[in-house]
N, C-alpha and C. Protein backbone atom coordinates (compact mmCIF):
# COMPACT_ATOMS: atom_id res chain seq x y z
N MET A 1 -227.77 -158.33 60.41
CA MET A 1 -228.14 -159.49 60.43
C MET A 1 -229.54 -160.21 61.77
N MET A 2 -230.46 -160.62 62.03
CA MET A 2 -231.23 -160.66 62.49
C MET A 2 -231.12 -161.46 64.10
N LYS A 3 -231.06 -160.36 65.10
CA LYS A 3 -230.50 -160.81 66.96
C LYS A 3 -231.63 -162.36 67.22
N ARG A 4 -231.12 -163.33 67.27
CA ARG A 4 -231.48 -164.81 67.74
C ARG A 4 -231.97 -164.24 69.69
N GLN A 5 -232.67 -165.18 69.39
CA GLN A 5 -233.57 -165.16 70.26
C GLN A 5 -233.99 -166.19 71.26
N PHE A 6 -233.59 -167.68 70.06
CA PHE A 6 -234.05 -168.29 70.34
C PHE A 6 -232.92 -169.33 70.20
N SER A 7 -232.53 -170.82 70.71
CA SER A 7 -231.74 -171.21 70.47
C SER A 7 -232.17 -172.61 69.55
N ASP A 8 -230.90 -173.21 69.25
CA ASP A 8 -230.83 -174.09 67.58
C ASP A 8 -232.54 -175.30 68.19
N ASP A 9 -231.79 -175.50 69.64
CA ASP A 9 -232.93 -176.52 69.95
C ASP A 9 -233.82 -176.20 69.87
N GLN A 10 -234.12 -175.18 70.81
CA GLN A 10 -235.61 -174.46 71.54
C GLN A 10 -236.07 -173.95 69.67
N HIS A 11 -235.37 -174.32 68.90
CA HIS A 11 -236.36 -174.19 67.19
C HIS A 11 -236.72 -175.77 67.04
N LEU A 12 -235.62 -176.55 66.83
CA LEU A 12 -235.87 -177.51 66.51
C LEU A 12 -236.98 -178.58 67.60
N ALA A 13 -237.32 -177.92 69.16
CA ALA A 13 -238.10 -178.36 69.33
C ALA A 13 -239.25 -177.95 69.19
N TYR A 14 -239.97 -176.71 68.64
CA TYR A 14 -241.23 -175.83 68.43
C TYR A 14 -241.15 -176.38 67.22
N MET A 15 -240.09 -176.36 65.70
CA MET A 15 -240.56 -177.83 65.23
C MET A 15 -241.00 -179.51 65.31
N ALA A 16 -240.57 -179.68 65.84
CA ALA A 16 -241.49 -181.13 66.60
C ALA A 16 -242.74 -180.93 67.31
N THR A 17 -242.91 -179.52 68.00
CA THR A 17 -244.61 -179.58 68.21
C THR A 17 -245.59 -179.50 66.97
N LEU A 18 -244.56 -178.31 66.38
CA LEU A 18 -245.75 -178.40 64.89
C LEU A 18 -245.86 -179.63 64.21
N GLN A 19 -245.37 -180.40 63.81
CA GLN A 19 -245.41 -182.17 63.44
C GLN A 19 -245.96 -183.19 64.24
N ASP A 20 -245.90 -182.95 65.66
CA ASP A 20 -247.18 -183.81 66.57
C ASP A 20 -248.87 -183.01 65.97
N LEU A 21 -248.78 -181.90 66.27
CA LEU A 21 -249.90 -181.19 66.02
C LEU A 21 -250.87 -181.60 65.05
N GLU A 22 -249.95 -181.14 63.21
CA GLU A 22 -250.12 -182.09 62.42
C GLU A 22 -250.40 -183.10 61.88
N CYS A 23 -249.44 -184.04 62.48
CA CYS A 23 -249.84 -185.23 62.30
C CYS A 23 -250.83 -186.17 63.48
N ALA A 24 -251.74 -185.49 64.84
CA ALA A 24 -252.60 -185.56 65.12
C ALA A 24 -253.71 -185.22 64.77
N GLY A 25 -253.78 -184.25 63.52
CA GLY A 25 -255.00 -183.41 62.62
C GLY A 25 -255.27 -181.95 62.88
N GLN A 26 -254.36 -181.85 63.35
CA GLN A 26 -254.21 -180.11 63.46
C GLN A 26 -254.17 -179.28 62.10
N ARG A 27 -254.92 -178.37 61.95
CA ARG A 27 -255.10 -178.15 60.28
C ARG A 27 -255.53 -176.63 60.85
N PHE A 28 -254.81 -175.08 59.64
CA PHE A 28 -255.60 -173.79 59.52
C PHE A 28 -256.15 -173.65 58.73
N THR A 29 -257.68 -172.74 59.70
CA THR A 29 -258.49 -172.39 58.93
C THR A 29 -258.49 -171.67 58.67
N GLY A 30 -259.46 -171.27 57.59
CA GLY A 30 -260.16 -169.81 57.64
C GLY A 30 -258.73 -168.65 57.39
N LEU A 31 -257.88 -169.87 56.26
CA LEU A 31 -256.77 -168.67 55.78
C LEU A 31 -257.29 -167.31 54.15
N GLU A 32 -257.25 -166.45 54.95
CA GLU A 32 -257.99 -166.05 53.80
C GLU A 32 -256.72 -165.90 52.99
N ILE A 33 -257.03 -165.51 51.57
CA ILE A 33 -255.27 -165.22 50.27
C ILE A 33 -256.85 -164.48 49.23
N GLY A 34 -256.97 -163.55 48.62
CA GLY A 34 -257.58 -163.29 47.47
C GLY A 34 -256.63 -163.86 46.08
N PRO A 35 -257.16 -164.26 44.68
CA PRO A 35 -256.78 -164.47 43.92
C PRO A 35 -255.93 -164.00 42.84
N MET A 36 -255.50 -163.81 43.31
CA MET A 36 -253.91 -162.70 42.79
C MET A 36 -252.91 -163.05 43.82
N THR A 37 -253.58 -162.86 45.07
CA THR A 37 -251.78 -163.30 46.33
C THR A 37 -251.80 -165.12 45.90
N GLY A 38 -252.74 -165.63 45.64
CA GLY A 38 -252.89 -167.09 45.84
C GLY A 38 -251.75 -167.48 44.33
N MET A 39 -251.99 -166.48 43.48
CA MET A 39 -251.44 -167.27 41.94
C MET A 39 -250.13 -166.64 42.16
N TYR A 40 -249.71 -165.67 42.94
CA TYR A 40 -248.10 -164.72 43.72
C TYR A 40 -248.17 -166.22 44.45
N LEU A 41 -248.22 -166.51 44.99
CA LEU A 41 -247.94 -167.73 46.32
C LEU A 41 -247.65 -168.96 45.03
N ILE A 42 -248.62 -169.20 44.54
CA ILE A 42 -247.98 -170.21 43.87
C ILE A 42 -246.73 -170.02 43.00
N GLY A 43 -246.26 -169.04 42.37
CA GLY A 43 -245.38 -168.07 41.43
C GLY A 43 -244.03 -168.63 42.53
N ALA A 44 -243.85 -167.79 43.70
CA ALA A 44 -242.56 -168.13 44.59
C ALA A 44 -242.54 -169.56 44.90
N LEU A 45 -243.27 -170.45 45.12
CA LEU A 45 -243.10 -171.81 45.44
C LEU A 45 -242.78 -172.47 44.89
N GLN A 46 -243.44 -172.25 42.97
CA GLN A 46 -242.20 -172.72 42.45
C GLN A 46 -240.89 -172.51 42.01
N LEU A 47 -240.80 -170.84 42.57
CA LEU A 47 -238.98 -170.39 42.26
C LEU A 47 -237.95 -171.08 43.20
N VAL A 48 -238.92 -171.30 44.18
CA VAL A 48 -238.00 -171.21 45.54
C VAL A 48 -237.91 -173.75 45.41
N LEU A 49 -238.80 -174.16 44.75
CA LEU A 49 -238.49 -175.49 44.07
C LEU A 49 -237.44 -175.66 43.07
N ARG A 50 -236.70 -174.69 42.49
CA ARG A 50 -235.80 -174.88 41.10
C ARG A 50 -234.25 -174.55 41.98
N HIS A 51 -234.66 -173.71 43.49
CA HIS A 51 -233.25 -174.28 44.47
C HIS A 51 -232.70 -175.63 44.00
N PRO A 52 -231.09 -175.12 43.87
CA PRO A 52 -230.68 -176.32 44.13
C PRO A 52 -230.59 -177.85 45.25
N ALA A 53 -230.41 -176.43 46.64
CA ALA A 53 -230.16 -177.25 47.37
C ALA A 53 -231.70 -177.53 48.23
N ILE A 54 -232.27 -177.61 47.95
CA ILE A 54 -233.53 -178.13 48.28
C ILE A 54 -234.36 -179.72 48.33
N SER A 55 -234.48 -179.86 49.58
CA SER A 55 -234.53 -181.19 50.47
C SER A 55 -235.99 -182.10 49.46
N VAL A 56 -235.50 -183.03 49.94
CA VAL A 56 -236.41 -184.08 49.29
C VAL A 56 -238.45 -183.67 49.83
N ASN A 57 -237.65 -183.77 51.22
CA ASN A 57 -239.01 -183.52 52.08
C ASN A 57 -240.06 -181.11 52.10
N HIS A 58 -239.06 -180.57 51.55
CA HIS A 58 -239.26 -179.98 50.95
C HIS A 58 -239.67 -179.71 50.09
N ARG A 59 -239.05 -180.32 48.82
CA ARG A 59 -239.99 -180.68 47.54
C ARG A 59 -241.44 -180.85 47.91
N HIS A 60 -241.49 -182.33 48.53
CA HIS A 60 -242.39 -182.56 48.73
C HIS A 60 -243.85 -182.16 49.19
N VAL A 61 -243.41 -181.24 50.62
CA VAL A 61 -244.05 -180.64 50.37
C VAL A 61 -244.48 -179.30 50.18
N LEU A 62 -243.98 -178.56 49.62
CA LEU A 62 -243.63 -176.84 48.50
C LEU A 62 -245.15 -177.70 47.35
N THR A 63 -244.87 -178.72 46.85
CA THR A 63 -245.77 -179.06 45.70
C THR A 63 -247.25 -180.04 45.91
N THR A 64 -247.57 -180.43 47.20
CA THR A 64 -248.67 -180.40 48.08
C THR A 64 -249.04 -179.27 48.50
N LEU A 65 -248.74 -177.83 48.85
CA LEU A 65 -249.41 -177.25 48.66
C LEU A 65 -249.56 -176.08 47.78
N ILE A 66 -248.96 -176.34 46.44
CA ILE A 66 -249.17 -175.57 45.33
C ILE A 66 -250.52 -176.29 44.81
N GLU A 67 -249.91 -177.76 44.77
CA GLU A 67 -251.57 -178.34 44.23
C GLU A 67 -252.96 -178.55 44.89
N SER A 68 -252.24 -177.84 46.11
CA SER A 68 -253.32 -177.93 47.05
C SER A 68 -254.86 -176.75 45.99
N LEU A 69 -253.71 -175.80 45.81
CA LEU A 69 -253.98 -174.39 45.23
C LEU A 69 -254.96 -174.29 44.00
N ARG A 70 -254.62 -175.19 43.39
CA ARG A 70 -254.53 -175.21 41.99
C ARG A 70 -256.10 -175.55 41.43
N PRO A 71 -256.77 -176.41 42.41
CA PRO A 71 -258.27 -176.13 41.99
C PRO A 71 -259.02 -174.46 41.99
N LEU A 72 -258.09 -173.74 42.83
CA LEU A 72 -258.99 -172.49 42.87
C LEU A 72 -259.00 -171.52 40.67
N PHE A 73 -258.14 -172.35 40.20
CA PHE A 73 -257.63 -171.76 39.70
C PHE A 73 -257.91 -172.45 38.21
N HIS A 74 -259.28 -173.16 38.35
CA HIS A 74 -259.67 -174.53 38.01
C HIS A 74 -260.15 -173.64 35.90
N GLU A 75 -260.40 -172.64 35.24
CA GLU A 75 -260.44 -171.99 34.27
C GLU A 75 -258.40 -172.96 33.46
N PRO A 76 -258.89 -173.37 31.90
CA PRO A 76 -257.56 -173.83 31.43
C PRO A 76 -256.72 -172.56 31.70
N VAL A 77 -257.16 -170.87 31.58
CA VAL A 77 -255.71 -170.40 31.92
C VAL A 77 -255.26 -170.50 32.63
N GLY A 78 -256.03 -170.40 34.01
CA GLY A 78 -255.26 -170.89 35.11
C GLY A 78 -254.21 -171.70 35.41
N GLN A 79 -255.01 -173.39 34.61
CA GLN A 79 -253.98 -174.13 34.86
C GLN A 79 -253.16 -173.90 34.29
N GLU A 80 -253.06 -173.71 33.14
CA GLU A 80 -251.92 -172.49 31.61
C GLU A 80 -250.94 -172.43 32.86
N LEU A 81 -251.55 -171.62 32.89
CA LEU A 81 -250.24 -170.74 33.86
C LEU A 81 -249.31 -171.11 35.62
N ILE A 82 -249.83 -172.31 35.91
CA ILE A 82 -249.34 -172.88 36.58
C ILE A 82 -248.47 -173.76 36.87
N ASP A 83 -248.99 -174.51 35.44
CA ASP A 83 -247.72 -175.68 34.19
C ASP A 83 -246.90 -175.07 34.26
N LEU A 84 -246.73 -173.85 33.41
CA LEU A 84 -245.71 -173.03 32.76
C LEU A 84 -245.05 -172.11 33.64
N GLY A 85 -245.03 -172.46 35.53
CA GLY A 85 -244.88 -172.14 36.41
C GLY A 85 -243.63 -173.08 37.30
N TYR A 86 -244.16 -173.77 36.43
CA TYR A 86 -243.00 -175.18 36.84
C TYR A 86 -241.82 -175.19 36.13
N GLU A 87 -242.18 -174.55 34.56
CA GLU A 87 -241.08 -174.36 33.28
C GLU A 87 -240.45 -173.37 33.45
N PRO A 88 -239.10 -173.67 33.16
CA PRO A 88 -237.89 -172.28 34.32
C PRO A 88 -237.85 -170.98 32.30
N ALA A 89 -237.91 -172.71 31.06
CA ALA A 89 -238.06 -171.77 29.57
C ALA A 89 -238.86 -171.04 30.07
N ALA A 90 -240.48 -170.88 30.12
CA ALA A 90 -240.98 -169.98 30.39
C ALA A 90 -241.08 -169.01 30.97
N ASP A 91 -240.05 -168.60 31.36
CA ASP A 91 -239.97 -167.31 32.43
C ASP A 91 -239.76 -166.01 31.74
N ARG A 92 -240.58 -164.83 32.26
CA ARG A 92 -240.71 -163.36 31.24
C ARG A 92 -238.98 -163.39 31.80
N LYS A 93 -238.00 -162.89 30.54
CA LYS A 93 -237.13 -161.98 31.44
C LYS A 93 -237.49 -160.54 31.06
N ALA A 94 -237.12 -160.03 32.44
CA ALA A 94 -237.69 -158.65 32.40
C ALA A 94 -237.02 -157.39 32.52
């Protein structure tokens, strides 16, 4: 297990600072990822959404992020792949 350098209180204070910055309108700019990486990211986030213990807040954030990436894949086949990622029955069995 990783050795922690910071306490839970320090983690919470940091997260509160991030929340304050976001509420004040700060956004990341220049996030550059390629199309394949973007699709992999969407798929990974969709897998996280399936975890039974995910909170409503986390579910909202992840869904918002996925849907913000969706327009990058405007072709119908790209849209279908994203939609299929929400359907566990459509998963390939390796």
